[in-house]
Amino acid sequence: MPPPSRPPRRFRRLAAAAALAAALFCAPSGPAGAADPAAVRLFGTSEKAHHDLAQFPKWTGVLERYARERALEDAPCRGACPLQRWRGFLLGLKGKTAIEQLAAVNDFVNRTPYVTDQQRFGVVDYWATPAEFLGRSGDCEDYAIAKYLSLRHLGWDERNLRILVLNDQNRRELHAVLIAYHGGTAYVLDNQVPEVLEHGSIAHYRPIFSINAAAWFFHEGWSPVPPPAVASRAPAPADLAVRPALAAAALGRESLR
């Protein structure tokens, strides 16, 4: 994929996305005890923040679509009603502790079946809104997006949430998870693992970049360490292949090898 062009229209759309995100997420501050992300070396890496999101049209696009989608959450519905079901689930988590919210959101979202973008939309890479994901399933970044927006709905501070694109050194493939900072550490919400894990318990995830609605972060300095005792991982979906297009499409580059 060639590098994305940056015409004035793109910047207008980006500004609109930022405004929509600001309006969308004017929520109370998140749970007490949130970690300072800058003080946590995610998977042992250092990071550099960048505030220009123009290279990430799939991410800004999903935020724009979700801002429009929110108007439908309270609309009358017949049938499966995934948005209304999701909204009801989140209302039940108000007042729960941060760890309880993380565990419940991870479990709820992970119940959605895994389906590749090629199977679902006929394209290599598509970043779905919660309604699209909960109604039609999705792949790894869609689970992470649904968890991110779920926790934002619950009042978590955007600064403490990131979508992380990484290289799974065991499976030799790209993957995406949600990172939630709380209590001086970072927690990993992964569609392949039923438990919420602290980042230090996972030795084979090499971060590439992480992103939220305000900035993206390039990670470097990762080195392999002897694996600690970790929770057993769920089997990989049979159709989950090496997909450099995940990060490539987000970054607007041809490949990440």
C-alpha atoms as a PDB file:
ATOM      1  CA  MET A   1       0.000   0.000   0.000  1.00  0.00           C
ATOM      2  CA  PRO A   2       1.500   3.392  -0.957  1.00  0.00           C
ATOM      3  CA  PRO A   3       1.982   6.041   1.737  1.00  0.00           C
ATOM      4  CA  PRO A   4      -1.255   7.934   2.354  1.00  0.00           C
ATOM      5  CA  SER A   5      -1.669  11.301   0.718  1.00  0.00           C
ATOM      6  CA  ARG A   6      -2.432  14.225   3.003  1.00  0.00           C
ATOM      7  CA  PRO A   7      -4.697  16.635   1.120  1.00  0.00           C
ATOM      8  CA  PRO A   8      -6.503  19.389   3.003  1.00  0.00           C
ATOM      9  CA  ARG A   9      -9.628  17.253   3.088  1.00  0.00           C
ATOM     10  CA  ARG A  10      -7.794  14.617   5.130  1.00  0.00           C
ATOM     11  CA  PHE A  11      -6.834  17.211   7.697  1.00  0.00           C
ATOM     12  CA  ARG A  12     -10.410  18.475   7.834  1.00  0.00           C
ATOM     13  CA  ARG A  13     -11.624  14.934   8.448  1.00  0.00           C
ATOM     14  CA  LEU A  14      -8.971  14.405  11.101  1.00  0.00           C
ATOM     15  CA  ALA A  15      -9.984  17.597  12.874  1.00  0.00           C
ATOM     16  CA  ALA A  16     -13.606  16.495  12.701  1.00  0.00           C
ATOM     17  CA  ALA A  17     -12.661  13.112  14.146  1.00  0.00           C
ATOM     18  CA  ALA A  18     -10.845  14.782  17.011  1.00  0.00           C
ATOM     19  CA  ALA A  19     -13.842  16.995  17.723  1.00  0.00           C
ATOM     20  CA  LEU A  20     -16.176  14.014  17.604  1.00  0.00           C
ATOM     21  CA  ALA A  21     -13.914  12.050  19.926  1.00  0.00           C
ATOM     22  CA  ALA A  22     -13.806  14.934  22.378  1.00  0.00           C
ATOM     23  CA  ALA A  23     -17.592  15.215  22.382  1.00  0.00           C
ATOM     24  CA  LEU A  24     -17.989  11.467  22.521  1.00  0.00           C
ATOM     25  CA  PHE A  25     -15.753  10.941  25.497  1.00  0.00           C
ATOM     26  CA  CYS A  26     -16.657  13.814  27.822  1.00  0.00           C
ATOM     27  CA  ALA A  27     -17.070  11.311  30.644  1.00  0.00           C
ATOM     28  CA  PRO A  28     -16.116  11.355  34.326  1.00  0.00           C
ATOM     29  CA  SER A  29     -12.536  10.454  35.118  1.00  0.00           C
ATOM     30  CA  GLY A  30     -11.849   6.746  35.290  1.00  0.00           C
ATOM     31  CA  PRO A  31     -11.304   4.498  38.282  1.00  0.00           C
ATOM     32  CA  ALA A  32      -9.026   5.682  41.057  1.00  0.00           C
ATOM     33  CA  GLY A  33      -5.526   4.253  41.061  1.00  0.00           C
ATOM     34  CA  ALA A  34      -4.871   4.622  37.342  1.00  0.00           C
ATOM     35  CA  ALA A  35      -1.225   4.208  36.379  1.00  0.00           C
ATOM     36  CA  ASP A  36       0.857   6.856  34.661  1.00  0.00           C
ATOM     37  CA  PRO A  37       1.431   5.225  31.250  1.00  0.00           C
ATOM     38  CA  ALA A  38       4.723   7.094  30.817  1.00  0.00           C
ATOM     39  CA  ALA A  39       6.052   5.418  33.968  1.00  0.00           C
ATOM     40  CA  VAL A  40       5.277   1.892  32.720  1.00  0.00           C
ATOM     41  CA  ARG A  41       7.753   0.313  30.293  1.00  0.00           C
ATOM     42  CA  LEU A  42       5.233  -1.676  28.297  1.00  0.00           C
ATOM     43  CA  PHE A  43       6.705  -5.145  27.745  1.00  0.00           C
ATOM     44  CA  GLY A  44      10.069  -3.608  28.656  1.00  0.00           C
ATOM     45  CA  THR A  45      10.062  -1.070  25.816  1.00  0.00           C
ATOM     46  CA  SER A  46      10.593   2.659  25.644  1.00  0.00           C
ATOM     47  CA  GLU A  47       8.103   4.737  23.690  1.00  0.00           C
ATOM     48  CA  LYS A  48       7.828   8.002  21.833  1.00  0.00           C
ATOM     49  CA  ALA A  49       4.512   9.823  21.514  1.00  0.00           C
ATOM     50  CA  HIS A  50       3.281  11.353  18.243  1.00  0.00           C
ATOM     51  CA  HIS A  51       0.118  13.433  18.045  1.00  0.00           C
ATOM     52  CA  ASP A  52      -0.433  13.405  14.273  1.00  0.00           C
ATOM     53  CA  LEU A  53      -2.943  10.626  13.571  1.00  0.00           C
ATOM     54  CA  ALA A  54      -3.119  11.272   9.821  1.00  0.00           C
ATOM     55  CA  GLN A  55      -1.303   7.993   9.104  1.00  0.00           C
ATOM     56  CA  PHE A  56      -4.095   6.042  10.784  1.00  0.00           C
ATOM     57  CA  PRO A  57      -7.262   6.574   8.706  1.00  0.00           C
ATOM     58  CA  LYS A  58      -8.757   3.252   9.789  1.00  0.00           C
ATOM     59  CA  TRP A  59      -8.511   4.288  13.442  1.00  0.00           C
ATOM     60  CA  THR A  60      -9.803   7.844  12.991  1.00  0.00           C
ATOM     61  CA  GLY A  61     -12.464   6.458  10.674  1.00  0.00           C
ATOM     62  CA  VAL A  62     -13.790   3.989  13.228  1.00  0.00           C
ATOM     63  CA  LEU A  63     -14.009   6.785  15.820  1.00  0.00           C
ATOM     64  CA  GLU A  64     -15.975   8.943  13.369  1.00  0.00           C
ATOM     65  CA  ARG A  65     -18.382   6.118  12.559  1.00  0.00           C
ATOM     66  CA  TYR A  66     -18.823   5.258  16.223  1.00  0.00           C
ATOM     67  CA  ALA A  67     -19.682   8.861  17.072  1.00  0.00           C
ATOM     68  CA  ARG A  68     -22.531   8.640  14.557  1.00  0.00           C
ATOM     69  CA  GLU A  69     -23.445   5.161  15.771  1.00  0.00           C
ATOM     70  CA  ARG A  70     -23.971   6.301  19.357  1.00  0.00           C
ATOM     71  CA  ALA A  71     -27.139   8.115  18.336  1.00  0.00           C
ATOM     72  CA  LEU A  72     -28.686   4.683  17.709  1.00  0.00           C
ATOM     73  CA  GLU A  73     -27.927   3.215  21.139  1.00  0.00           C
ATOM     74  CA  ASP A  74     -31.206   4.423  22.644  1.00  0.00           C
ATOM     75  CA  ALA A  75     -33.298   3.887  19.519  1.00  0.00           C
ATOM     76  CA  PRO A  76     -36.126   1.314  19.549  1.00  0.00           C
ATOM     77  CA  CYS A  77     -34.864  -2.016  18.278  1.00  0.00           C
ATOM     78  CA  ARG A  78     -36.150  -5.407  17.184  1.00  0.00           C
ATOM     79  CA  GLY A  79     -34.143  -8.569  16.821  1.00  0.00           C
ATOM     80  CA  ALA A  80     -30.638  -9.100  18.175  1.00  0.00           C
ATOM     81  CA  CYS A  81     -30.089  -5.405  19.032  1.00  0.00           C
ATOM     82  CA  PRO A  82     -26.315  -5.663  19.650  1.00  0.00           C
ATOM     83  CA  LEU A  83     -25.880  -1.988  20.552  1.00  0.00           C
ATOM     84  CA  GLN A  84     -28.678  -2.022  23.094  1.00  0.00           C
ATOM     85  CA  ARG A  85     -27.462  -5.308  24.580  1.00  0.00           C
ATOM     86  CA  TRP A  86     -23.955  -3.877  24.886  1.00  0.00           C
ATOM     87  CA  ARG A  87     -25.259  -0.672  26.442  1.00  0.00           C
ATOM     88  CA  GLY A  88     -27.239  -2.655  29.022  1.00  0.00           C
ATOM     89  CA  PHE A  89     -24.183  -4.725  29.880  1.00  0.00           C
ATOM     90  CA  LEU A  90     -22.108  -1.589  30.458  1.00  0.00           C
ATOM     91  CA  LEU A  91     -24.771  -0.008  32.656  1.00  0.00           C
ATOM     92  CA  GLY A  92     -24.478  -3.038  34.916  1.00  0.00           C
ATOM     93  CA  LEU A  93     -20.760  -2.347  35.439  1.00  0.00           C
ATOM     94  CA  LYS A  94     -21.182   1.160  36.813  1.00  0.00           C
ATOM     95  CA  GLY A  95     -19.740   1.308  40.311  1.00  0.00           C
ATOM     96  CA  LYS A  96     -17.652  -1.868  39.924  1.00  0.00           C
ATOM     97  CA  THR A  97     -13.932  -1.763  40.687  1.00  0.00           C
ATOM     98  CA  ALA A  98     -11.459  -1.204  37.872  1.00  0.00           C
ATOM     99  CA  ILE A  99     -10.295  -4.825  37.918  1.00  0.00           C
ATOM    100  CA  GLU A 100     -13.886  -6.073  37.904  1.00  0.00           C
ATOM    101  CA  GLN A 101     -14.645  -3.867  34.906  1.00  0.00           C
ATOM    102  CA  LEU A 102     -11.588  -5.101  33.018  1.00  0.00           C
ATOM    103  CA  ALA A 103     -12.454  -8.746  33.625  1.00  0.00           C
ATOM    104  CA  ALA A 104     -16.121  -8.313  32.716  1.00  0.00           C
ATOM    105  CA  VAL A 105     -15.443  -6.333  29.532  1.00  0.00           C
ATOM    106  CA  ASN A 106     -12.786  -8.806  28.411  1.00  0.00           C
ATOM    107  CA  ASP A 107     -15.145 -11.742  28.967  1.00  0.00           C
ATOM    108  CA  PHE A 108     -18.155 -10.089  27.309  1.00  0.00           C
ATOM    109  CA  VAL A 109     -16.308  -9.026  24.165  1.00  0.00           C
ATOM    110  CA  ASN A 110     -14.385 -12.301  23.838  1.00  0.00           C
ATOM    111  CA  ARG A 111     -17.666 -14.215  23.550  1.00  0.00           C
ATOM    112  CA  THR A 112     -18.118 -12.817  20.041  1.00  0.00           C
ATOM    113  CA  PRO A 113     -16.926 -15.380  17.455  1.00  0.00           C
ATOM    114  CA  TYR A 114     -13.713 -14.702  15.548  1.00  0.00           C
ATOM    115  CA  VAL A 115     -14.111 -14.019  11.807  1.00  0.00           C
ATOM    116  CA  THR A 116     -11.493 -12.619   9.431  1.00  0.00           C
ATOM    117  CA  ASP A 117     -12.057  -9.363   7.567  1.00  0.00           C
ATOM    118  CA  GLN A 118     -11.701 -11.267   4.298  1.00  0.00           C
ATOM    119  CA  GLN A 119     -14.559 -13.576   5.264  1.00  0.00           C
ATOM    120  CA  ARG A 120     -16.753 -10.816   6.625  1.00  0.00           C
ATOM    121  CA  PHE A 121     -16.123  -7.824   4.346  1.00  0.00           C
ATOM    122  CA  GLY A 122     -14.090  -9.255   1.486  1.00  0.00           C
ATOM    123  CA  VAL A 123     -11.111  -7.013   2.314  1.00  0.00           C
ATOM    124  CA  VAL A 124      -7.759  -7.699   3.966  1.00  0.00           C
ATOM    125  CA  ASP A 125      -8.177  -5.230   6.818  1.00  0.00           C
ATOM    126  CA  TYR A 126     -11.179  -3.402   8.256  1.00  0.00           C
ATOM    127  CA  TRP A 127     -11.518  -1.727  11.677  1.00  0.00           C
ATOM    128  CA  ALA A 128     -15.072  -2.217  12.954  1.00  0.00           C
ATOM    129  CA  THR A 129     -17.295  -0.215  15.287  1.00  0.00           C
ATOM    130  CA  PRO A 130     -18.917  -2.013  18.245  1.00  0.00           C
ATOM    131  CA  ALA A 131     -22.216  -2.380  16.347  1.00  0.00           C
ATOM    132  CA  GLU A 132     -20.437  -3.891  13.333  1.00  0.00           C
ATOM    133  CA  PHE A 133     -18.334  -6.173  15.517  1.00  0.00           C
ATOM    134  CA  LEU A 134     -21.058  -7.333  17.913  1.00  0.00           C
ATOM    135  CA  GLY A 135     -23.503  -7.816  15.054  1.00  0.00           C
ATOM    136  CA  ARG A 136     -21.194  -9.484  12.539  1.00  0.00           C
ATOM    137  CA  SER A 137     -18.105 -10.653  14.486  1.00  0.00           C
ATOM    138  CA  GLY A 138     -14.547  -9.581  13.711  1.00  0.00           C
ATOM    139  CA  ASP A 139     -10.842 -10.166  14.174  1.00  0.00           C
ATOM    140  CA  CYS A 140      -8.243  -9.159  16.765  1.00  0.00           C
ATOM    141  CA  GLU A 141      -8.253  -5.372  16.365  1.00  0.00           C
ATOM    142  CA  ASP A 142     -12.062  -5.363  16.452  1.00  0.00           C
ATOM    143  CA  TYR A 143     -12.032  -7.056  19.863  1.00  0.00           C
ATOM    144  CA  ALA A 144      -9.527  -4.458  21.075  1.00  0.00           C
ATOM    145  CA  ILE A 145     -11.603  -1.557  19.711  1.00  0.00           C
ATOM    146  CA  ALA A 146     -14.789  -2.853  21.355  1.00  0.00           C
ATOM    147  CA  LYS A 147     -12.961  -3.157  24.691  1.00  0.00           C
ATOM    148  CA  TYR A 148     -11.446   0.310  24.338  1.00  0.00           C
ATOM    149  CA  LEU A 149     -14.828   1.922  23.646  1.00  0.00           C
ATOM    150  CA  SER A 150     -16.484  -0.132  26.393  1.00  0.00           C
ATOM    151  CA  LEU A 151     -14.059   1.192  28.997  1.00  0.00           C
ATOM    152  CA  ARG A 152     -14.345   4.745  27.642  1.00  0.00           C
ATOM    153  CA  HIS A 153     -18.107   4.368  28.053  1.00  0.00           C
ATOM    154  CA  LEU A 154     -17.462   3.435  31.701  1.00  0.00           C
ATOM    155  CA  GLY A 155     -15.466   6.623  32.267  1.00  0.00           C
ATOM    156  CA  TRP A 156     -11.910   5.357  31.893  1.00  0.00           C
ATOM    157  CA  ASP A 157      -9.473   8.106  30.974  1.00  0.00           C
ATOM    158  CA  GLU A 158      -8.381   7.888  27.367  1.00  0.00           C
ATOM    159  CA  ARG A 159      -4.752   8.315  28.454  1.00  0.00           C
ATOM    160  CA  ASN A 160      -4.957   4.970  30.247  1.00  0.00           C
ATOM    161  CA  LEU A 161      -6.223   2.992  27.256  1.00  0.00           C
ATOM    162  CA  ARG A 162      -4.468   2.021  24.039  1.00  0.00           C
ATOM    163  CA  ILE A 163      -4.882  -0.334  21.130  1.00  0.00           C
ATOM    164  CA  LEU A 164      -1.534  -2.136  20.834  1.00  0.00           C
ATOM    165  CA  VAL A 165      -0.331  -3.702  17.582  1.00  0.00           C
ATOM    166  CA  LEU A 166       2.410  -6.219  18.320  1.00  0.00           C
ATOM    167  CA  ASN A 167       4.370  -9.127  16.973  1.00  0.00           C
ATOM    168  CA  ASP A 168       3.621 -12.440  18.656  1.00  0.00           C
ATOM    169  CA  GLN A 169       7.070 -14.021  18.746  1.00  0.00           C
ATOM    170  CA  ASN A 170       5.675 -17.510  19.415  1.00  0.00           C
ATOM    171  CA  ARG A 171       3.243 -17.546  16.526  1.00  0.00           C
ATOM    172  CA  ARG A 172       5.299 -15.287  14.274  1.00  0.00           C
ATOM    173  CA  GLU A 173       2.337 -13.133  13.395  1.00  0.00           C
ATOM    174  CA  LEU A 174       0.950  -9.685  14.030  1.00  0.00           C
ATOM    175  CA  HIS A 175      -1.749  -9.292  16.641  1.00  0.00           C
ATOM    176  CA  ALA A 176      -3.716  -6.515  18.370  1.00  0.00           C
ATOM    177  CA  VAL A 177      -4.808  -6.260  22.014  1.00  0.00           C
ATOM    178  CA  LEU A 178      -6.109  -3.616  24.386  1.00  0.00           C
ATOM    179  CA  ILE A 179      -3.779  -2.182  27.029  1.00  0.00           C
ATOM    180  CA  ALA A 180      -5.319  -0.680  30.183  1.00  0.00           C
ATOM    181  CA  TYR A 181      -3.103   1.163  32.671  1.00  0.00           C
ATOM    182  CA  HIS A 182      -4.140   0.922  36.316  1.00  0.00           C
ATOM    183  CA  GLY A 183      -2.539   0.665  39.742  1.00  0.00           C
ATOM    184  CA  GLY A 184       1.020   1.234  38.560  1.00  0.00           C
ATOM    185  CA  THR A 185       0.992  -1.417  35.839  1.00  0.00           C
ATOM    186  CA  ALA A 186      -0.467  -2.270  32.431  1.00  0.00           C
ATOM    187  CA  TYR A 187      -3.093  -4.940  31.866  1.00  0.00           C
ATOM    188  CA  VAL A 188      -3.553  -6.879  28.634  1.00  0.00           C
ATOM    189  CA  LEU A 189      -7.053  -7.655  27.329  1.00  0.00           C
ATOM    190  CA  ASP A 190      -6.553 -10.259  24.621  1.00  0.00           C
ATOM    191  CA  ASN A 191      -9.119 -12.064  22.499  1.00  0.00           C
ATOM    192  CA  GLN A 192      -6.931 -15.193  22.607  1.00  0.00           C
ATOM    193  CA  VAL A 193      -6.731 -15.346  26.420  1.00  0.00           C
ATOM    194  CA  PRO A 194      -9.733 -15.555  28.772  1.00  0.00           C
ATOM    195  CA  GLU A 195      -7.942 -13.884  31.693  1.00  0.00           C
ATOM    196  CA  VAL A 196      -6.822 -10.270  32.020  1.00  0.00           C
ATOM    197  CA  LEU A 197      -3.034 -10.457  32.454  1.00  0.00           C
ATOM    198  CA  GLU A 198      -0.405  -8.019  33.665  1.00  0.00           C
ATOM    199  CA  HIS A 199       1.960  -7.160  30.830  1.00  0.00           C
ATOM    200  CA  GLY A 200       4.964  -8.446  32.797  1.00  0.00           C
ATOM    201  CA  SER A 201       3.594 -11.992  32.724  1.00  0.00           C
ATOM    202  CA  ILE A 202       3.855 -12.195  28.926  1.00  0.00           C
ATOM    203  CA  ALA A 203       7.315 -12.661  27.441  1.00  0.00           C
ATOM    204  CA  HIS A 204       6.582 -13.201  23.750  1.00  0.00           C
ATOM    205  CA  TYR A 205       4.731 -10.015  22.761  1.00  0.00           C
ATOM    206  CA  ARG A 206       6.922  -7.467  20.984  1.00  0.00           C
ATOM    207  CA  PRO A 207       5.131  -4.089  20.760  1.00  0.00           C
ATOM    208  CA  ILE A 208       5.203  -2.201  17.460  1.00  0.00           C
ATOM    209  CA  PHE A 209       2.915   0.751  18.120  1.00  0.00           C
ATOM    210  CA  SER A 210       0.011   1.678  20.380  1.00  0.00           C
ATOM    211  CA  ILE A 211      -2.697   4.262  19.794  1.00  0.00           C
ATOM    212  CA  ASN A 212      -5.642   6.058  21.367  1.00  0.00           C
ATOM    213  CA  ALA A 213      -7.786   8.998  20.271  1.00  0.00           C
ATOM    214  CA  ALA A 214      -5.124  11.548  21.223  1.00  0.00           C
ATOM    215  CA  ALA A 215      -1.785  10.086  20.103  1.00  0.00           C
ATOM    216  CA  TRP A 216       0.137   7.108  18.844  1.00  0.00           C
ATOM    217  CA  PHE A 217       3.283   5.683  20.406  1.00  0.00           C
ATOM    218  CA  PHE A 218       6.221   3.968  18.718  1.00  0.00           C
ATOM    219  CA  HIS A 219       7.775   1.252  20.885  1.00  0.00           C
ATOM    220  CA  GLU A 220      11.416   0.217  20.772  1.00  0.00           C
ATOM    221  CA  GLY A 221      14.048  -1.469  22.905  1.00  0.00           C
ATOM    222  CA  TRP A 222      12.223  -4.780  23.335  1.00  0.00           C
ATOM    223  CA  SER A 223      14.358  -7.811  24.113  1.00  0.00           C
ATOM    224  CA  PRO A 224      13.282 -11.394  24.772  1.00  0.00           C
ATOM    225  CA  VAL A 225      13.335 -12.577  28.366  1.00  0.00           C
ATOM    226  CA  PRO A 226      12.925 -16.038  29.885  1.00  0.00           C
ATOM    227  CA  PRO A 227       9.168 -16.716  29.874  1.00  0.00           C
ATOM    228  CA  PRO A 228       7.501 -16.643  33.304  1.00  0.00           C
ATOM    229  CA  ALA A 229       4.630 -18.909  34.243  1.00  0.00           C
ATOM    230  CA  VAL A 230       1.697 -17.543  32.267  1.00  0.00           C
ATOM    231  CA  ALA A 231      -1.902 -18.497  31.815  1.00  0.00           C
ATOM    232  CA  SER A 232      -2.491 -21.037  29.076  1.00  0.00           C
ATOM    233  CA  ARG A 233      -3.430 -19.468  25.777  1.00  0.00           C
ATOM    234  CA  ALA A 234      -6.543 -20.394  23.907  1.00  0.00           C
ATOM    235  CA  PRO A 235      -5.938 -22.122  20.576  1.00  0.00           C
ATOM    236  CA  ALA A 236      -5.478 -19.724  17.687  1.00  0.00           C
ATOM    237  CA  PRO A 237      -8.388 -19.535  15.257  1.00  0.00           C
ATOM    238  CA  ALA A 238      -7.634 -21.791  12.343  1.00  0.00           C
ATOM    239  CA  ASP A 239      -7.886 -18.932   9.874  1.00  0.00           C
ATOM    240  CA  LEU A 240      -5.639 -16.511  11.815  1.00  0.00           C
ATOM    241  CA  ALA A 241      -2.593 -16.198   9.564  1.00  0.00           C
ATOM    242  CA  VAL A 242       0.439 -13.947   9.514  1.00  0.00           C
ATOM    243  CA  ARG A 243      -1.076 -10.571   8.656  1.00  0.00           C
ATOM    244  CA  PRO A 244       1.471  -7.798   8.172  1.00  0.00           C
ATOM    245  CA  ALA A 245      -1.374  -5.916   6.495  1.00  0.00           C
ATOM    246  CA  LEU A 246      -2.820  -5.167   9.958  1.00  0.00           C
ATOM    247  CA  ALA A 247      -0.046  -2.793  10.927  1.00  0.00           C
ATOM    248  CA  ALA A 248       0.800  -1.893   7.345  1.00  0.00           C
ATOM    249  CA  ALA A 249      -2.710  -0.677   6.613  1.00  0.00           C
ATOM    250  CA  ALA A 250      -2.804   1.332   9.811  1.00  0.00           C
ATOM    251  CA  LEU A 251       0.581   2.908   9.195  1.00  0.00           C
ATOM    252  CA  GLY A 252       0.058   3.392   5.478  1.00  0.00           C
ATOM    253  CA  ARG A 253       3.175   1.417   4.611  1.00  0.00           C
ATOM    254  CA  GLU A 254       3.584  -1.495   2.263  1.00  0.00           C
ATOM    255  CA  SER A 255       4.792  -3.977   4.865  1.00  0.00           C
ATOM    256  CA  LEU A 256       6.227  -4.538   8.299  1.00  0.00           C
ATOM    257  CA  ARG A 257       8.624  -7.443   8.226  1.00  0.00           C
END
